[in-house]
Structure formats: structure tokens, C-alpha cells
Amino acid sequence: MPKFGKRSRDRLATCDPRLQELFNKVIELVDITIICGERGKAAQDEAFASGNSTVQYPGSRHNRAPSMAVDWAPWPIDWDDTSRFLYVAGIIYGVAREMGIENIRNGADWRRDGRANGNKFEDLGHTEIHRGG
């Protein structure tokens, strides 16, 4: 069974308890790594400048304590294997639904309509508790 390494556990610990619980169940099903939880001003400015985020500080769900967003990747990481990201995103949605967490969204489905296309910005390894959550 996969398990998080120390770095992933530390990053996940900066997230909302619901995200922590969700991803601790997801890791039992599929091997992933946690890339980022809470992001401060410098890290958010860097993410925006590099094109990895479309919002400036403090507009990201990552810019809260605790973070309302988590960035993850299937392990081992292959950034070009989008099908693995979508596969894991489906697992995350399924586990969240089983847990009664209905207000999450993934960076492949910003509109929350179940369609992973037509986005101006794709962030496949991003899961957040949607506004109001």
C-alpha cells in the first residue's frame, strides 16, 4: 500500500482538515505525492510569474491558513502523462463523495460540470474546497 513520505505529510499538514482526511484516504488507493499546500506571498508571486497560477496573492485558495487547496501528482511524477492525473482526479472525486465532501473541484474541471475540457487554464494536479466550503 502506498504511503506519504515526510515531505508530503508536512505539506498536507498545512491544509484544511477535510483535505487532510481526504488525501490520507486517497493514498491508500493510489500512489501520489503532495506538491504544495499552504503558499505564502513569495511562493504565490513566483507561481503567478511562472504561469503556474492565474491569481496573485492573496487570491489563491492556497493563500489561507489552513490552505483550502492542495497540489498533488501521481508518483512517480510524469508531468506529461495527463491521463494519470485525470485518473487520480476521478479517484479523489469518488473518495470525497463517499466521505460526504461534495464541494471540491479539480483544476481540470473548474466549472464542476464533470467535463475536463474547455478550460482556459488547466491545473490537473490541483484540488480545492470550492468557495462556500
C-alpha atoms as a PDB file:
ATOM      1  CA  MET A   1       0.000   0.000   0.000  1.00  0.00           C
ATOM      2  CA  PRO A   2       1.384   3.443  -0.882  1.00  0.00           C
ATOM      3  CA  LYS A   3       2.068   5.948   1.873  1.00  0.00           C
ATOM      4  CA  PHE A   4       3.137   9.554   2.079  1.00  0.00           C
ATOM      5  CA  GLY A   5       6.736  10.458   2.743  1.00  0.00           C
ATOM      6  CA  LYS A   6       7.647  13.071   5.343  1.00  0.00           C
ATOM      7  CA  ARG A   7       7.709  15.953   2.870  1.00  0.00           C
ATOM      8  CA  SER A   8       4.218  15.114   1.575  1.00  0.00           C
ATOM      9  CA  ARG A   9       2.886  14.703   5.127  1.00  0.00           C
ATOM     10  CA  ASP A  10       4.364  18.072   6.129  1.00  0.00           C
ATOM     11  CA  ARG A  11       2.837  19.813   3.116  1.00  0.00           C
ATOM     12  CA  LEU A  12      -0.550  18.165   3.634  1.00  0.00           C
ATOM     13  CA  ALA A  13      -0.500  19.223   7.300  1.00  0.00           C
ATOM     14  CA  THR A  14      -0.825  22.868   6.128  1.00  0.00           C
ATOM     15  CA  CYS A  15      -4.211  22.085   4.553  1.00  0.00           C
ATOM     16  CA  ASP A  16      -7.773  22.196   5.816  1.00  0.00           C
ATOM     17  CA  PRO A  17      -8.565  19.096   7.921  1.00  0.00           C
ATOM     18  CA  ARG A  18     -11.079  17.906   5.290  1.00  0.00           C
ATOM     19  CA  LEU A  19      -8.365  17.868   2.634  1.00  0.00           C
ATOM     20  CA  GLN A  20      -6.030  16.078   5.019  1.00  0.00           C
ATOM     21  CA  GLU A  21      -8.614  13.392   5.710  1.00  0.00           C
ATOM     22  CA  LEU A  22      -9.468  13.071   2.016  1.00  0.00           C
ATOM     23  CA  PHE A  23      -5.888  12.697   0.823  1.00  0.00           C
ATOM     24  CA  ASN A  24      -4.999  10.315   3.643  1.00  0.00           C
ATOM     25  CA  LYS A  25      -7.711   8.028   2.229  1.00  0.00           C
ATOM     26  CA  VAL A  26      -6.655   8.596  -1.388  1.00  0.00           C
ATOM     27  CA  ILE A  27      -3.071   7.499  -0.644  1.00  0.00           C
ATOM     28  CA  GLU A  28      -4.456   4.127   0.440  1.00  0.00           C
ATOM     29  CA  LEU A  29      -5.699   3.613  -3.137  1.00  0.00           C
ATOM     30  CA  VAL A  30      -3.138   5.252  -5.407  1.00  0.00           C
ATOM     31  CA  ASP A  31       0.435   6.480  -5.027  1.00  0.00           C
ATOM     32  CA  ILE A  32       0.649  10.271  -5.129  1.00  0.00           C
ATOM     33  CA  THR A  33       2.915  12.960  -3.772  1.00  0.00           C
ATOM     34  CA  ILE A  34       1.840  16.274  -2.275  1.00  0.00           C
ATOM     35  CA  ILE A  35       3.475  19.173  -4.086  1.00  0.00           C
ATOM     36  CA  CYS A  36       2.034  22.107  -2.148  1.00  0.00           C
ATOM     37  CA  GLY A  37      -0.486  23.017   0.498  1.00  0.00           C
ATOM     38  CA  GLU A  38      -0.364  26.492   2.002  1.00  0.00           C
ATOM     39  CA  ARG A  39       1.524  29.025  -0.096  1.00  0.00           C
ATOM     40  CA  GLY A  40       2.826  32.333   1.237  1.00  0.00           C
ATOM     41  CA  LYS A  41       3.180  35.584  -0.685  1.00  0.00           C
ATOM     42  CA  ALA A  42       6.629  34.896  -2.173  1.00  0.00           C
ATOM     43  CA  ALA A  43       5.647  31.407  -3.357  1.00  0.00           C
ATOM     44  CA  GLN A  44       2.341  32.670  -4.784  1.00  0.00           C
ATOM     45  CA  ASP A  45       4.088  35.541  -6.572  1.00  0.00           C
ATOM     46  CA  GLU A  46       6.505  33.005  -8.075  1.00  0.00           C
ATOM     47  CA  ALA A  47       3.671  30.673  -9.122  1.00  0.00           C
ATOM     48  CA  PHE A  48       1.879  33.596 -10.792  1.00  0.00           C
ATOM     49  CA  ALA A  49       5.018  34.891 -12.530  1.00  0.00           C
ATOM     50  CA  SER A  50       5.871  31.428 -13.883  1.00  0.00           C
ATOM     51  CA  GLY A  51       2.347  30.860 -15.217  1.00  0.00           C
ATOM     52  CA  ASN A  52       1.572  28.071 -12.744  1.00  0.00           C
ATOM     53  CA  SER A  53      -1.214  30.169 -11.225  1.00  0.00           C
ATOM     54  CA  THR A  54      -3.630  32.686 -12.676  1.00  0.00           C
ATOM     55  CA  VAL A  55      -4.166  34.613  -9.453  1.00  0.00           C
ATOM     56  CA  GLN A  56      -1.922  36.871  -7.446  1.00  0.00           C
ATOM     57  CA  TYR A  57      -1.520  36.803  -3.678  1.00  0.00           C
ATOM     58  CA  PRO A  58      -3.781  36.628  -1.676  1.00  0.00           C
ATOM     59  CA  GLY A  59      -6.344  35.402  -4.238  1.00  0.00           C
ATOM     60  CA  SER A  60      -5.445  31.710  -4.279  1.00  0.00           C
ATOM     61  CA  ARG A  61      -7.139  29.046  -2.173  1.00  0.00           C
ATOM     62  CA  HIS A  62      -3.526  28.141  -1.236  1.00  0.00           C
ATOM     63  CA  ASN A  63      -3.077  31.537   0.452  1.00  0.00           C
ATOM     64  CA  ARG A  64      -5.016  30.722   3.609  1.00  0.00           C
ATOM     65  CA  ALA A  65      -4.117  29.105   6.874  1.00  0.00           C
ATOM     66  CA  PRO A  66      -5.109  26.371   6.676  1.00  0.00           C
ATOM     67  CA  SER A  67      -4.890  26.023   2.921  1.00  0.00           C
ATOM     68  CA  MET A  68      -8.141  25.311   1.119  1.00  0.00           C
ATOM     69  CA  ALA A  69      -6.194  23.806  -1.810  1.00  0.00           C
ATOM     70  CA  VAL A  70      -3.638  21.092  -2.346  1.00  0.00           C
ATOM     71  CA  ASP A  71      -1.422  20.393  -5.338  1.00  0.00           C
ATOM     72  CA  TRP A  72      -0.504  16.758  -5.937  1.00  0.00           C
ATOM     73  CA  ALA A  73       0.944  14.493  -8.603  1.00  0.00           C
ATOM     74  CA  PRO A  74       0.810  10.772  -9.322  1.00  0.00           C
ATOM     75  CA  TRP A  75       4.006   9.054  -8.211  1.00  0.00           C
ATOM     76  CA  PRO A  76       6.412   8.688  -9.908  1.00  0.00           C
ATOM     77  CA  ILE A  77       5.859  12.095 -11.448  1.00  0.00           C
ATOM     78  CA  ASP A  78       5.462  12.373 -15.210  1.00  0.00           C
ATOM     79  CA  TRP A  79       4.051  15.840 -15.880  1.00  0.00           C
ATOM     80  CA  ASP A  80       3.206  14.868 -19.474  1.00  0.00           C
ATOM     81  CA  ASP A  81       1.032  11.867 -18.547  1.00  0.00           C
ATOM     82  CA  THR A  82      -2.257  13.742 -18.298  1.00  0.00           C
ATOM     83  CA  SER A  83      -4.283  10.529 -18.300  1.00  0.00           C
ATOM     84  CA  ARG A  84      -2.757   9.538 -14.936  1.00  0.00           C
ATOM     85  CA  PHE A  85      -3.667  12.943 -13.478  1.00  0.00           C
ATOM     86  CA  LEU A  86      -7.249  12.570 -14.694  1.00  0.00           C
ATOM     87  CA  TYR A  87      -7.416   9.013 -13.364  1.00  0.00           C
ATOM     88  CA  VAL A  88      -6.288  10.153  -9.907  1.00  0.00           C
ATOM     89  CA  ALA A  89      -8.653  13.144 -10.010  1.00  0.00           C
ATOM     90  CA  GLY A  90     -11.507  10.688 -10.573  1.00  0.00           C
ATOM     91  CA  ILE A  91     -10.401   8.671  -7.555  1.00  0.00           C
ATOM     92  CA  ILE A  92     -10.258  11.861  -5.475  1.00  0.00           C
ATOM     93  CA  TYR A  93     -13.798  12.815  -6.508  1.00  0.00           C
ATOM     94  CA  GLY A  94     -15.064   9.315  -5.717  1.00  0.00           C
ATOM     95  CA  VAL A  95     -13.442   9.189  -2.290  1.00  0.00           C
ATOM     96  CA  ALA A  96     -14.651  12.703  -1.494  1.00  0.00           C
ATOM     97  CA  ARG A  97     -18.205  11.742  -2.408  1.00  0.00           C
ATOM     98  CA  GLU A  98     -18.017   8.642  -0.184  1.00  0.00           C
ATOM     99  CA  MET A  99     -16.844  10.901   2.644  1.00  0.00           C
ATOM    100  CA  GLY A 100     -19.669  13.382   2.083  1.00  0.00           C
ATOM    101  CA  ILE A 101     -17.334  16.118   0.803  1.00  0.00           C
ATOM    102  CA  GLU A 102     -19.351  17.493  -2.105  1.00  0.00           C
ATOM    103  CA  ASN A 103     -17.763  20.909  -2.561  1.00  0.00           C
ATOM    104  CA  ILE A 104     -14.359  20.051  -4.038  1.00  0.00           C
ATOM    105  CA  ARG A 105     -13.145  20.796  -7.527  1.00  0.00           C
ATOM    106  CA  ASN A 106     -10.144  19.875  -9.600  1.00  0.00           C
ATOM    107  CA  GLY A 107      -8.095  22.090 -11.896  1.00  0.00           C
ATOM    108  CA  ALA A 108      -9.260  20.020 -14.872  1.00  0.00           C
ATOM    109  CA  ASP A 109     -12.912  20.826 -14.111  1.00  0.00           C
ATOM    110  CA  TRP A 110     -13.130  24.389 -12.800  1.00  0.00           C
ATOM    111  CA  ARG A 111     -16.827  24.595 -13.715  1.00  0.00           C
ATOM    112  CA  ARG A 112     -17.592  21.411 -11.749  1.00  0.00           C
ATOM    113  CA  ASP A 113     -19.622  20.038 -14.644  1.00  0.00           C
ATOM    114  CA  GLY A 114     -17.771  16.726 -14.988  1.00  0.00           C
ATOM    115  CA  ARG A 115     -16.017  17.775 -18.190  1.00  0.00           C
ATOM    116  CA  ALA A 116     -12.245  18.005 -18.346  1.00  0.00           C
ATOM    117  CA  ASN A 117     -12.087  20.202 -21.426  1.00  0.00           C
ATOM    118  CA  GLY A 118     -12.715  23.780 -22.417  1.00  0.00           C
ATOM    119  CA  ASN A 119     -10.675  25.276 -19.572  1.00  0.00           C
ATOM    120  CA  LYS A 120      -8.576  28.340 -20.292  1.00  0.00           C
ATOM    121  CA  PHE A 121      -6.171  27.201 -17.569  1.00  0.00           C
ATOM    122  CA  GLU A 122      -5.622  23.573 -16.653  1.00  0.00           C
ATOM    123  CA  ASP A 123      -4.142  22.591 -13.324  1.00  0.00           C
ATOM    124  CA  LEU A 124      -4.720  18.846 -13.324  1.00  0.00           C
ATOM    125  CA  GLY A 125      -2.959  18.202 -10.008  1.00  0.00           C
ATOM    126  CA  HIS A 126      -4.913  20.833  -8.088  1.00  0.00           C
ATOM    127  CA  THR A 127      -7.799  20.013  -5.756  1.00  0.00           C
ATOM    128  CA  GLU A 128      -9.571  22.610  -3.650  1.00  0.00           C
ATOM    129  CA  ILE A 129     -12.509  23.075  -1.396  1.00  0.00           C
ATOM    130  CA  HIS A 130     -14.715  25.222  -3.575  1.00  0.00           C
ATOM    131  CA  ARG A 131     -15.970  28.589  -2.379  1.00  0.00           C
ATOM    132  CA  GLY A 132     -18.553  28.334   0.323  1.00  0.00           C
ATOM    133  CA  GLY A 133     -16.773  25.296   1.716  1.00  0.00           C
END
